Amino acid sequence: MNALLDHIQNQQARAMHLEHILEAAQVLDNEGLAPAAISSLISTARDIAGELNAALDSVALPEG
């Protein structure tokens, strides 16, 4: 069960990073600043969302 809990904690940390990236993109967008940076943040957020989706798929969960 320890491997599963570690896996879940890792995914929770990734979700928190995703939230912070999206918050940064929102702040920049609201201020009308750095459109290239916003684009980069969105791309990074999409990558993390895809990784989270794959990691939380039932076939990707660790045994235990």
N, C-alpha and C. Protein backbone atom coordinates (compact mmCIF):
# COMPACT_ATOMS: atom_id res chain seq x y z
N MET A 1 0.82 -1.20 0.00
CA MET A 1 0.00 0.00 0.00
C MET A 1 0.86 1.26 0.00
N ASN A 2 2.07 1.17 0.52
CA ASN A 2 2.96 2.31 0.59
C ASN A 2 3.28 2.86 -0.80
N ALA A 3 3.48 1.98 -1.77
CA ALA A 3 3.78 2.42 -3.14
C ALA A 3 2.60 3.21 -3.71
N LEU A 4 1.40 2.76 -3.43
CA LEU A 4 0.21 3.46 -3.92
C LEU A 4 0.08 4.83 -3.27
N LEU A 5 0.30 4.91 -1.97
CA LEU A 5 0.23 6.21 -1.29
C LEU A 5 1.29 7.17 -1.81
N ASP A 6 2.50 6.67 -2.03
CA ASP A 6 3.56 7.51 -2.59
C ASP A 6 3.17 8.02 -3.98
N HIS A 7 2.60 7.14 -4.77
CA HIS A 7 2.16 7.50 -6.12
C HIS A 7 1.10 8.60 -6.05
N ILE A 8 0.14 8.43 -5.18
CA ILE A 8 -0.93 9.43 -5.04
C ILE A 8 -0.37 10.76 -4.57
N GLN A 9 0.55 10.74 -3.61
CA GLN A 9 1.17 11.98 -3.14
C GLN A 9 1.94 12.67 -4.25
N ASN A 10 2.63 11.91 -5.07
CA ASN A 10 3.36 12.50 -6.21
C ASN A 10 2.40 13.16 -7.19
N GLN A 11 1.27 12.54 -7.43
CA GLN A 11 0.30 13.12 -8.37
C GLN A 11 -0.35 14.36 -7.76
N GLN A 12 -0.55 14.35 -6.46
CA GLN A 12 -1.10 15.54 -5.80
C GLN A 12 -0.12 16.70 -5.92
N ALA A 13 1.17 16.43 -5.75
CA ALA A 13 2.19 17.48 -5.90
C ALA A 13 2.19 18.01 -7.33
N ARG A 14 2.07 17.13 -8.32
CA ARG A 14 2.02 17.57 -9.72
C ARG A 14 0.78 18.44 -9.96
N ALA A 15 -0.35 18.07 -9.35
CA ALA A 15 -1.57 18.86 -9.51
C ALA A 15 -1.40 20.25 -8.89
N MET A 16 -0.69 20.33 -7.77
CA MET A 16 -0.43 21.63 -7.15
C MET A 16 0.45 22.48 -8.06
N HIS A 17 1.46 21.87 -8.68
CA HIS A 17 2.30 22.60 -9.63
C HIS A 17 1.46 23.11 -10.80
N LEU A 18 0.58 22.26 -11.28
CA LEU A 18 -0.31 22.66 -12.37
C LEU A 18 -1.15 23.86 -11.97
N GLU A 19 -1.68 23.84 -10.77
CA GLU A 19 -2.49 24.96 -10.29
C GLU A 19 -1.67 26.25 -10.28
N HIS A 20 -0.44 26.18 -9.81
CA HIS A 20 0.42 27.37 -9.75
C HIS A 20 0.76 27.89 -11.15
N ILE A 21 1.00 26.99 -12.07
CA ILE A 21 1.29 27.39 -13.45
C ILE A 21 0.08 28.11 -14.05
N LEU A 22 -1.10 27.54 -13.84
CA LEU A 22 -2.31 28.16 -14.37
C LEU A 22 -2.59 29.50 -13.71
N GLU A 23 -2.30 29.61 -12.42
CA GLU A 23 -2.47 30.88 -11.72
C GLU A 23 -1.54 31.94 -12.32
N ALA A 24 -0.30 31.56 -12.58
CA ALA A 24 0.66 32.51 -13.17
C ALA A 24 0.18 32.96 -14.55
N ALA A 25 -0.32 32.03 -15.34
CA ALA A 25 -0.83 32.37 -16.67
C ALA A 25 -2.02 33.32 -16.55
N GLN A 26 -2.88 33.09 -15.59
CA GLN A 26 -4.05 33.94 -15.40
C GLN A 26 -3.64 35.35 -14.99
N VAL A 27 -2.69 35.46 -14.08
CA VAL A 27 -2.22 36.78 -13.64
C VAL A 27 -1.62 37.55 -14.81
N LEU A 28 -0.77 36.89 -15.58
CA LEU A 28 -0.16 37.55 -16.73
C LEU A 28 -1.23 37.97 -17.74
N ASP A 29 -2.19 37.08 -17.98
CA ASP A 29 -3.26 37.39 -18.93
C ASP A 29 -4.12 38.55 -18.45
N ASN A 30 -4.46 38.56 -17.16
CA ASN A 30 -5.27 39.64 -16.60
C ASN A 30 -4.57 40.99 -16.71
N GLU A 31 -3.26 40.98 -16.61
CA GLU A 31 -2.47 42.21 -16.69
C GLU A 31 -2.09 42.56 -18.13
N GLY A 32 -2.40 41.67 -19.06
CA GLY A 32 -2.05 41.91 -20.46
C GLY A 32 -0.55 41.85 -20.71
N LEU A 33 0.13 41.03 -19.96
CA LEU A 33 1.59 40.95 -20.04
C LEU A 33 2.06 39.63 -20.65
N ALA A 34 3.19 39.69 -21.29
CA ALA A 34 3.98 38.52 -21.71
C ALA A 34 3.18 37.42 -22.40
N PRO A 35 2.60 37.71 -23.56
CA PRO A 35 1.82 36.67 -24.25
C PRO A 35 2.65 35.42 -24.59
N ALA A 36 3.94 35.60 -24.88
CA ALA A 36 4.77 34.43 -25.18
C ALA A 36 4.94 33.57 -23.93
N ALA A 37 5.06 34.20 -22.78
CA ALA A 37 5.18 33.45 -21.53
C ALA A 37 3.89 32.71 -21.22
N ILE A 38 2.77 33.35 -21.49
CA ILE A 38 1.47 32.71 -21.27
C ILE A 38 1.36 31.46 -22.14
N SER A 39 1.76 31.59 -23.38
CA SER A 39 1.72 30.45 -24.29
C SER A 39 2.59 29.31 -23.77
N SER A 40 3.76 29.63 -23.28
CA SER A 40 4.66 28.62 -22.73
C SER A 40 4.06 27.97 -21.49
N LEU A 41 3.45 28.77 -20.62
CA LEU A 41 2.81 28.24 -19.42
C LEU A 41 1.65 27.31 -19.77
N ILE A 42 0.87 27.69 -20.77
CA ILE A 42 -0.24 26.84 -21.20
C ILE A 42 0.28 25.51 -21.74
N SER A 43 1.35 25.57 -22.52
CA SER A 43 1.94 24.35 -23.06
C SER A 43 2.44 23.44 -21.93
N THR A 44 3.10 24.03 -20.95
CA THR A 44 3.58 23.25 -19.81
C THR A 44 2.41 22.67 -19.02
N ALA A 45 1.37 23.45 -18.82
CA ALA A 45 0.19 22.98 -18.11
C ALA A 45 -0.46 21.81 -18.83
N ARG A 46 -0.54 21.89 -20.14
CA ARG A 46 -1.12 20.77 -20.91
C ARG A 46 -0.30 19.51 -20.75
N ASP A 47 1.03 19.67 -20.76
CA ASP A 47 1.91 18.51 -20.57
C ASP A 47 1.68 17.86 -19.21
N ILE A 48 1.61 18.69 -18.17
CA ILE A 48 1.40 18.16 -16.82
C ILE A 48 0.02 17.51 -16.71
N ALA A 49 -0.99 18.11 -17.30
CA ALA A 49 -2.33 17.53 -17.26
C ALA A 49 -2.33 16.15 -17.94
N GLY A 50 -1.64 16.04 -19.05
CA GLY A 50 -1.54 14.74 -19.73
C GLY A 50 -0.81 13.71 -18.90
N GLU A 51 0.27 14.15 -18.22
CA GLU A 51 1.01 13.24 -17.35
C GLU A 51 0.14 12.79 -16.18
N LEU A 52 -0.60 13.72 -15.59
CA LEU A 52 -1.51 13.36 -14.49
C LEU A 52 -2.57 12.36 -14.95
N ASN A 53 -3.13 12.62 -16.10
CA ASN A 53 -4.15 11.73 -16.64
C ASN A 53 -3.59 10.32 -16.80
N ALA A 54 -2.40 10.21 -17.38
CA ALA A 54 -1.79 8.90 -17.59
C ALA A 54 -1.43 8.24 -16.26
N ALA A 55 -0.90 9.03 -15.32
CA ALA A 55 -0.45 8.46 -14.04
C ALA A 55 -1.62 8.00 -13.18
N LEU A 56 -2.79 8.60 -13.36
CA LEU A 56 -3.95 8.22 -12.57
C LEU A 56 -4.84 7.18 -13.26
N ASP A 57 -4.43 6.76 -14.44
CA ASP A 57 -5.14 5.67 -15.11
C ASP A 57 -4.96 4.42 -14.27
N SER A 58 -6.01 3.66 -14.12
CA SER A 58 -5.97 2.48 -13.24
C SER A 58 -4.87 1.49 -13.62
N VAL A 59 -4.50 1.41 -14.89
CA VAL A 59 -3.45 0.47 -15.29
C VAL A 59 -2.06 1.00 -14.94
N ALA A 60 -1.95 2.28 -14.60
CA ALA A 60 -0.64 2.85 -14.25
C ALA A 60 -0.39 2.86 -12.75
N LEU A 61 -1.38 2.50 -11.97
CA LEU A 61 -1.22 2.53 -10.52
C LEU A 61 -0.28 1.41 -10.07
N PRO A 62 0.57 1.70 -9.10
CA PRO A 62 1.47 0.66 -8.60
C PRO A 62 0.71 -0.41 -7.84
N GLU A 63 1.28 -1.58 -7.80
CA GLU A 63 0.69 -2.68 -7.03
C GLU A 63 0.86 -2.39 -5.55
N GLY A 64 -0.08 -2.84 -4.76
CA GLY A 64 0.07 -2.73 -3.32
C GLY A 64 -0.93 -1.89 -2.70
